[in-house]
Amino acid sequence: MRRAFRSLCCGLLAGLAIVYGNARAADNAYPGNKPITIVVPFAAGGPTDTSARLLADALSREMGNPFVVENVPGAGSVVGTTRVANASPDGYTLLWGTASSLAIAPKLNKNIRYDPVASFAPISQVTAAPFVLVVAPKLEVGTLGDFVKLAKAQPGKLNFGSTGTGGSGHMVAELFNTSADIDTVHVPYNGGAPMMHALLAGDVDYIFDTPTTIVPMVQDKRVVALGVTSKEPWEALPGVEPLDRQGYAGFDATTWFGVLAPRGTPPERVALLNKHIVAVLDKPGLRQALQKAGFFVESSSPEAFAEKIVSEGEKWAQTIDAANISIE
């Protein structure tokens, strides 16, 4: 009887060991051959989508596993972001998170059904990009000081364009207006192309936009660049100084992108993805491609990315309150 009981126990333990071993092996095999989807909460095309696809291609080669970009636009990034927040936390659905979707939208829209901190497991920041303050030639100003002086002399008369209320360009302009103590009028447009057309036509006086769009316009002398919003100059705009160095000490406002998973994703999978993202960003091929597309390359630990999301949310909440902006 004892011998039979001992044999039964040994059999059970052996079975448990096999099951546990298979579970460990399955986890160690992640991601296997199953595709990993990176959800971009904006339409295809443009720098947001382009940068995500560059990373996806690099990760596919690095990990030997397909990374697929899926564009899920809607409600200014809210639709796609919400989808990932509600996805299975298995590491196979990731979010291309942005300053707009994680730091700005939740502060503007109280009806959003995701929390930028509680709903996600940050993996790594990937890029950042400054904005460039450009003015229409009709203003006939050549320096930031001249522009601010003109705006102060005509409160409520100058206007600025953006790609929509609550977008990064809108928020940066409001932050600058507060810093410079100027009063101008916001004119939202449905996208970057109509906004730029309005600037070139003289319908708006100034905008804040990313270097990808602005550099060719400056080089062709179609617009006048007065400053960049990062603390470092932008190499392709020689002579255009950061606002931080032009009397607005501490001014640092960039748009940024990074990768996140749904909250509850196994930490070892988050760590594995972070390891490979940092590795591909250290390689000259991807780094140069992102820089050519108009980005600084900035990888991070999951913890550092989480802290950035919180601090950026606090910063933009102050700007939103000061400008009394809301979206229902």
Protein backbone atom coordinates (compact mmCIF):
# COMPACT_ATOMS: atom_id res chain seq x y z
CA MET A 1 0.00 0.00 0.00
CA ARG A 2 2.77 2.38 0.93
CA ARG A 3 4.62 1.54 -2.25
CA ALA A 4 1.50 2.27 -4.32
CA PHE A 5 0.95 5.60 -2.53
CA ARG A 6 4.59 6.56 -3.06
CA SER A 7 4.31 5.73 -6.74
CA LEU A 8 1.14 7.80 -7.03
CA CYS A 9 2.79 10.81 -5.36
CA CYS A 10 5.84 10.52 -7.56
CA GLY A 11 3.62 10.36 -10.61
CA LEU A 12 1.70 13.46 -9.55
CA LEU A 13 4.89 15.39 -8.84
CA ALA A 14 6.34 14.34 -12.17
CA GLY A 15 3.16 15.47 -13.90
CA LEU A 16 3.23 18.82 -12.14
CA ALA A 17 6.87 19.24 -13.08
CA ILE A 18 6.04 18.58 -16.72
CA VAL A 19 3.14 21.07 -16.66
CA TYR A 20 5.26 23.71 -14.90
CA GLY A 21 8.15 23.07 -17.24
CA ASN A 22 5.90 23.39 -20.28
CA ALA A 23 4.49 26.67 -18.91
CA ARG A 24 7.99 28.04 -18.36
CA ALA A 25 9.06 26.89 -21.81
CA ALA A 26 5.98 28.54 -23.37
CA ASP A 27 6.76 31.80 -21.58
CA ASN A 28 10.43 31.59 -22.51
CA ALA A 29 9.36 31.08 -26.12
CA TYR A 30 7.59 34.46 -26.16
CA PRO A 31 6.96 35.88 -28.63
CA GLY A 32 7.40 32.73 -30.73
CA ASN A 33 6.09 33.11 -34.27
CA LYS A 34 2.95 34.99 -33.28
CA PRO A 35 2.77 38.54 -34.68
CA ILE A 36 2.98 41.46 -32.26
CA THR A 37 0.72 44.37 -33.14
CA ILE A 38 1.67 47.97 -32.45
CA VAL A 39 -1.48 50.09 -32.46
CA VAL A 40 -0.91 53.63 -33.73
CA PRO A 41 -3.90 55.74 -32.65
CA PHE A 42 -3.63 58.00 -35.70
CA ALA A 43 -4.19 57.60 -39.43
CA ALA A 44 -1.47 56.21 -41.68
CA GLY A 45 1.08 58.71 -42.96
CA GLY A 46 2.80 61.51 -41.11
CA PRO A 47 5.64 61.39 -38.60
CA THR A 48 3.72 59.50 -35.89
CA ASP A 49 2.96 56.58 -38.18
CA THR A 50 6.36 56.71 -39.92
CA SER A 51 8.33 56.46 -36.69
CA ALA A 52 6.23 53.52 -35.46
CA ARG A 53 6.81 51.63 -38.71
CA LEU A 54 10.55 52.26 -38.57
CA LEU A 55 10.67 50.72 -35.09
CA ALA A 56 8.41 47.81 -36.06
CA ASP A 57 10.67 46.91 -39.00
CA ALA A 58 13.77 47.07 -36.81
CA LEU A 59 12.20 44.91 -34.09
CA SER A 60 11.06 42.33 -36.66
CA ARG A 61 14.65 41.93 -37.79
CA GLU A 62 16.06 42.02 -34.26
CA MET A 63 13.69 39.47 -32.72
CA GLY A 64 12.93 37.35 -35.78
CA ASN A 65 9.24 37.84 -35.10
CA PRO A 66 6.73 39.90 -37.12
CA PHE A 67 5.78 43.28 -35.71
CA VAL A 68 2.71 44.73 -37.43
CA VAL A 69 1.52 48.34 -37.26
CA GLU A 70 -2.25 48.81 -37.10
CA ASN A 71 -3.66 52.31 -37.49
CA VAL A 72 -6.70 52.92 -35.29
CA PRO A 73 -7.52 56.65 -35.59
CA GLY A 74 -10.44 58.43 -34.01
CA ALA A 75 -11.30 61.04 -31.39
CA GLY A 76 -7.82 62.54 -31.45
CA SER A 77 -6.04 59.26 -30.55
CA VAL A 78 -8.56 58.16 -27.90
CA VAL A 79 -10.11 55.26 -29.89
CA GLY A 80 -6.86 53.40 -30.53
CA THR A 81 -5.48 54.07 -27.08
CA THR A 82 -8.65 52.76 -25.46
CA ARG A 83 -8.48 49.60 -27.56
CA VAL A 84 -5.03 48.75 -26.22
CA ALA A 85 -6.04 49.58 -22.65
CA ASN A 86 -8.74 46.90 -22.99
CA ALA A 87 -6.60 44.36 -24.88
CA SER A 88 -5.38 41.06 -23.47
CA PRO A 89 -2.24 41.70 -21.34
CA ASP A 90 -0.18 39.04 -23.07
CA GLY A 91 2.45 41.18 -24.80
CA TYR A 92 0.99 40.72 -28.29
CA THR A 93 -0.87 44.04 -28.48
CA LEU A 94 1.15 47.18 -27.83
CA LEU A 95 0.44 50.90 -27.99
CA TRP A 96 2.40 53.57 -29.81
CA GLY A 97 1.77 56.07 -27.05
CA THR A 98 2.15 59.80 -27.61
CA ALA A 99 2.23 62.98 -25.58
CA SER A 100 -1.17 63.78 -27.04
CA SER A 101 -2.82 60.48 -26.05
CA LEU A 102 -1.19 60.00 -22.64
CA ALA A 103 -0.34 63.42 -21.22
CA ILE A 104 -2.82 65.81 -22.84
CA ALA A 105 -6.06 64.05 -23.81
CA PRO A 106 -6.77 62.61 -20.32
CA LYS A 107 -6.45 66.09 -18.83
CA LEU A 108 -8.77 67.65 -21.43
CA ASN A 109 -11.51 65.06 -21.75
CA LYS A 110 -13.04 63.72 -18.56
CA ASN A 111 -15.01 61.11 -20.53
CA ILE A 112 -11.92 59.15 -21.58
CA ARG A 113 -12.15 55.55 -20.38
CA TYR A 114 -8.49 54.83 -19.80
CA ASP A 115 -6.00 56.07 -17.27
CA PRO A 116 -2.55 56.97 -18.64
CA VAL A 117 -0.91 55.39 -15.58
CA ALA A 118 -3.24 52.67 -14.30
CA SER A 119 -4.23 51.25 -17.70
CA PHE A 120 -0.78 50.59 -19.13
CA ALA A 121 2.59 49.02 -18.50
CA PRO A 122 5.19 51.41 -20.02
CA ILE A 123 7.99 49.66 -21.91
CA SER A 124 10.26 52.38 -23.33
CA GLN A 125 10.23 55.86 -24.73
CA VAL A 126 11.48 55.81 -28.33
CA THR A 127 11.64 59.33 -29.74
CA ALA A 128 11.09 62.99 -29.03
CA ALA A 129 10.76 65.94 -31.37
CA PRO A 130 10.82 69.67 -30.74
CA PHE A 131 8.42 72.19 -32.20
CA VAL A 132 9.54 75.18 -34.21
CA LEU A 133 7.88 78.57 -33.80
CA VAL A 134 7.41 80.02 -37.29
CA VAL A 135 5.67 83.18 -38.41
CA ALA A 136 4.16 84.30 -41.67
CA PRO A 137 6.39 86.64 -43.71
CA LYS A 138 3.62 89.27 -43.66
CA LEU A 139 4.43 90.00 -40.01
CA GLU A 140 7.86 91.30 -41.05
CA VAL A 141 9.54 90.17 -37.83
CA GLY A 142 12.92 88.48 -37.79
CA THR A 143 13.50 87.76 -34.10
CA LEU A 144 11.57 86.29 -31.22
CA GLY A 145 11.87 89.56 -29.33
CA ASP A 146 10.30 91.50 -32.19
CA PHE A 147 7.45 89.00 -32.42
CA VAL A 148 6.63 89.16 -28.71
CA LYS A 149 6.83 92.95 -28.79
CA LEU A 150 4.36 93.01 -31.71
CA ALA A 151 1.97 90.63 -29.93
CA LYS A 152 2.05 92.68 -26.73
CA ALA A 153 1.28 95.83 -28.70
CA GLN A 154 -1.80 94.20 -30.25
CA PRO A 155 -3.44 92.01 -27.59
CA GLY A 156 -6.04 89.67 -29.06
CA LYS A 157 -5.19 90.65 -32.63
CA LEU A 158 -2.64 88.03 -33.72
CA ASN A 159 -3.72 84.44 -34.20
CA PHE A 160 -2.10 81.01 -34.36
CA GLY A 161 -3.06 77.82 -36.15
CA SER A 162 -3.02 74.24 -34.90
CA THR A 163 -4.06 70.79 -36.07
CA GLY A 164 -6.92 70.76 -33.60
CA THR A 165 -7.97 71.76 -30.12
CA GLY A 166 -5.97 69.83 -27.54
CA GLY A 167 -3.29 68.70 -29.97
CA SER A 168 0.39 69.03 -29.10
CA GLY A 169 0.88 72.08 -31.32
CA HIS A 170 -2.04 73.85 -29.66
CA MET A 171 -0.74 73.05 -26.19
CA VAL A 172 2.80 74.24 -26.96
CA ALA A 173 1.45 77.53 -28.32
CA GLU A 174 -0.64 78.04 -25.17
CA LEU A 175 2.37 77.25 -23.00
CA PHE A 176 4.44 79.83 -24.87
CA ASN A 177 1.67 82.43 -24.69
CA THR A 178 1.59 82.00 -20.92
CA SER A 179 5.39 82.19 -20.67
CA ALA A 180 5.57 85.30 -22.86
CA ASP A 181 2.42 86.86 -21.35
CA ILE A 182 0.82 87.46 -24.74
CA ASP A 183 -2.83 87.23 -25.77
CA THR A 184 -3.52 85.68 -29.19
CA VAL A 185 -6.41 83.79 -30.80
CA HIS A 186 -6.39 80.04 -31.49
CA VAL A 187 -7.61 78.87 -34.92
CA PRO A 188 -7.87 75.04 -35.14
CA TYR A 189 -7.64 73.21 -38.47
CA ASN A 190 -8.40 69.63 -39.46
CA GLY A 191 -4.82 68.50 -39.98
CA GLY A 192 -1.35 69.77 -40.78
CA ALA A 193 -1.88 70.49 -44.48
CA PRO A 194 -4.72 73.01 -44.08
CA MET A 195 -2.92 74.60 -41.14
CA MET A 196 0.22 75.15 -43.21
CA HIS A 197 -1.82 76.43 -46.15
CA ALA A 198 -3.43 78.98 -43.82
CA LEU A 199 -0.02 80.14 -42.60
CA LEU A 200 1.37 80.49 -46.12
CA ALA A 201 -1.78 82.33 -47.21
CA GLY A 202 -1.45 84.72 -44.28
CA ASP A 203 -4.73 83.61 -42.68
CA VAL A 204 -2.88 82.85 -39.43
CA ASP A 205 0.14 84.66 -38.06
CA TYR A 206 2.15 81.87 -36.48
CA ILE A 207 2.22 78.17 -35.65
CA PHE A 208 4.26 75.63 -33.73
CA ASP A 209 5.06 72.57 -35.84
CA THR A 210 7.63 69.76 -35.98
CA PRO A 211 10.90 70.10 -37.94
CA THR A 212 9.87 67.48 -40.52
CA THR A 213 7.34 69.91 -41.94
CA ILE A 214 9.02 73.19 -41.09
CA VAL A 215 12.61 72.75 -42.27
CA PRO A 216 11.82 72.71 -46.03
CA MET A 217 9.57 75.75 -45.62
CA VAL A 218 12.29 77.69 -43.81
CA GLN A 219 14.92 76.69 -46.36
CA ASP A 220 12.66 77.95 -49.16
CA LYS A 221 12.14 81.21 -47.21
CA ARG A 222 8.37 80.69 -47.21
CA VAL A 223 8.18 81.10 -43.43
CA VAL A 224 10.43 82.61 -40.76
CA ALA A 225 11.64 80.42 -37.89
CA LEU A 226 12.08 82.21 -34.55
CA GLY A 227 12.92 79.42 -32.09
CA VAL A 228 12.77 75.76 -31.19
CA THR A 229 11.05 74.39 -28.09
CA SER A 230 13.70 71.86 -27.04
CA LYS A 231 16.68 72.81 -24.91
CA GLU A 232 19.01 71.75 -27.72
CA PRO A 233 19.19 73.44 -31.14
CA TRP A 234 17.91 71.55 -34.17
CA GLU A 235 20.81 70.70 -36.47
CA ALA A 236 18.90 71.37 -39.70
CA LEU A 237 17.98 74.90 -38.56
CA PRO A 238 21.31 76.61 -37.95
CA GLY A 239 20.97 79.94 -36.21
CA VAL A 240 17.51 79.18 -34.80
CA GLU A 241 18.03 79.16 -31.04
CA PRO A 242 15.98 77.32 -28.41
CA LEU A 243 13.42 79.44 -26.58
CA ASP A 244 15.26 78.42 -23.42
CA ARG A 245 18.22 80.52 -24.61
CA GLN A 246 16.12 83.49 -25.72
CA GLY A 247 14.80 84.69 -22.41
CA TYR A 248 12.48 81.79 -21.54
CA ALA A 249 14.71 79.78 -19.24
CA GLY A 250 13.47 76.28 -18.61
CA PHE A 251 11.17 76.21 -21.62
CA ASP A 252 11.24 72.62 -22.83
CA ALA A 253 8.25 71.25 -24.73
CA THR A 254 8.59 68.30 -27.06
CA THR A 255 6.25 65.77 -28.53
CA TRP A 256 7.30 62.20 -27.78
CA PHE A 257 6.42 58.63 -28.67
CA GLY A 258 6.93 55.36 -26.84
CA VAL A 259 5.75 51.78 -26.51
CA LEU A 260 3.36 50.53 -23.84
CA ALA A 261 1.48 47.30 -23.12
CA PRO A 262 -1.83 46.82 -21.32
CA ARG A 263 -1.54 46.82 -17.54
CA GLY A 264 -1.03 43.27 -16.26
CA THR A 265 1.37 42.21 -19.01
CA PRO A 266 3.94 39.85 -17.43
CA PRO A 267 6.98 41.85 -16.23
CA GLU A 268 9.39 39.46 -17.95
CA ARG A 269 7.75 40.21 -21.29
CA VAL A 270 7.92 43.94 -20.64
CA ALA A 271 11.61 43.55 -19.75
CA LEU A 272 12.28 41.51 -22.91
CA LEU A 273 10.62 44.08 -25.16
CA ASN A 274 12.48 46.90 -23.42
CA LYS A 275 15.78 45.11 -23.94
CA HIS A 276 15.21 44.75 -27.67
CA ILE A 277 13.85 48.27 -28.17
CA VAL A 278 16.89 49.77 -26.46
CA ALA A 279 19.14 47.52 -28.56
CA VAL A 280 17.68 48.54 -31.93
CA LEU A 281 17.70 52.23 -30.98
CA ASP A 282 21.42 51.93 -30.27
CA LYS A 283 22.06 50.73 -33.81
CA PRO A 284 23.04 53.39 -36.35
CA GLY A 285 20.54 52.28 -39.00
CA LEU A 286 17.37 52.96 -37.03
CA ARG A 287 18.86 55.91 -35.18
CA GLN A 288 19.78 57.66 -38.43
CA ALA A 289 16.41 56.88 -40.01
CA LEU A 290 14.55 58.40 -37.06
CA GLN A 291 16.81 61.45 -37.01
CA LYS A 292 16.24 61.94 -40.74
CA ALA A 293 12.49 61.79 -40.08
CA GLY A 294 12.87 64.65 -37.60
CA PHE A 295 13.29 63.02 -34.19
CA PHE A 296 15.66 62.86 -31.28
CA VAL A 297 16.21 59.22 -30.27
CA GLU A 298 15.47 58.69 -26.58
CA SER A 299 15.13 55.18 -25.18
CA SER A 300 14.41 54.62 -21.49
CA SER A 301 13.68 52.09 -18.79
CA PRO A 302 10.01 51.25 -18.13
CA GLU A 303 10.27 53.11 -14.82
CA ALA A 304 11.69 56.27 -16.40
CA PHE A 305 9.02 56.25 -19.09
CA ALA A 306 6.30 55.91 -16.44
CA GLU A 307 7.73 58.91 -14.58
CA LYS A 308 7.80 60.95 -17.79
CA ILE A 309 4.13 60.25 -18.49
CA VAL A 310 3.19 61.46 -15.00
CA SER A 311 5.36 64.59 -15.10
CA GLU A 312 4.20 65.53 -18.61
CA GLY A 313 0.59 65.10 -17.54
CA GLU A 314 1.13 67.47 -14.64
CA LYS A 315 2.80 70.06 -16.88
CA TRP A 316 0.05 70.05 -19.49
CA ALA A 317 -2.67 70.09 -16.84
CA GLN A 318 -1.28 73.44 -15.67
CA THR A 319 -1.30 74.79 -19.23
CA ILE A 320 -4.85 73.55 -19.81
CA ASP A 321 -6.06 75.21 -16.61
CA ALA A 322 -4.26 78.48 -17.37
CA ALA A 323 -5.76 78.65 -20.89
CA ASN A 324 -9.17 77.37 -19.70
CA ILE A 325 -9.35 74.70 -22.42
CA SER A 326 -11.80 71.82 -22.34
CA ILE A 327 -13.20 69.16 -24.67
CA GLU A 328 -16.49 67.41 -24.02
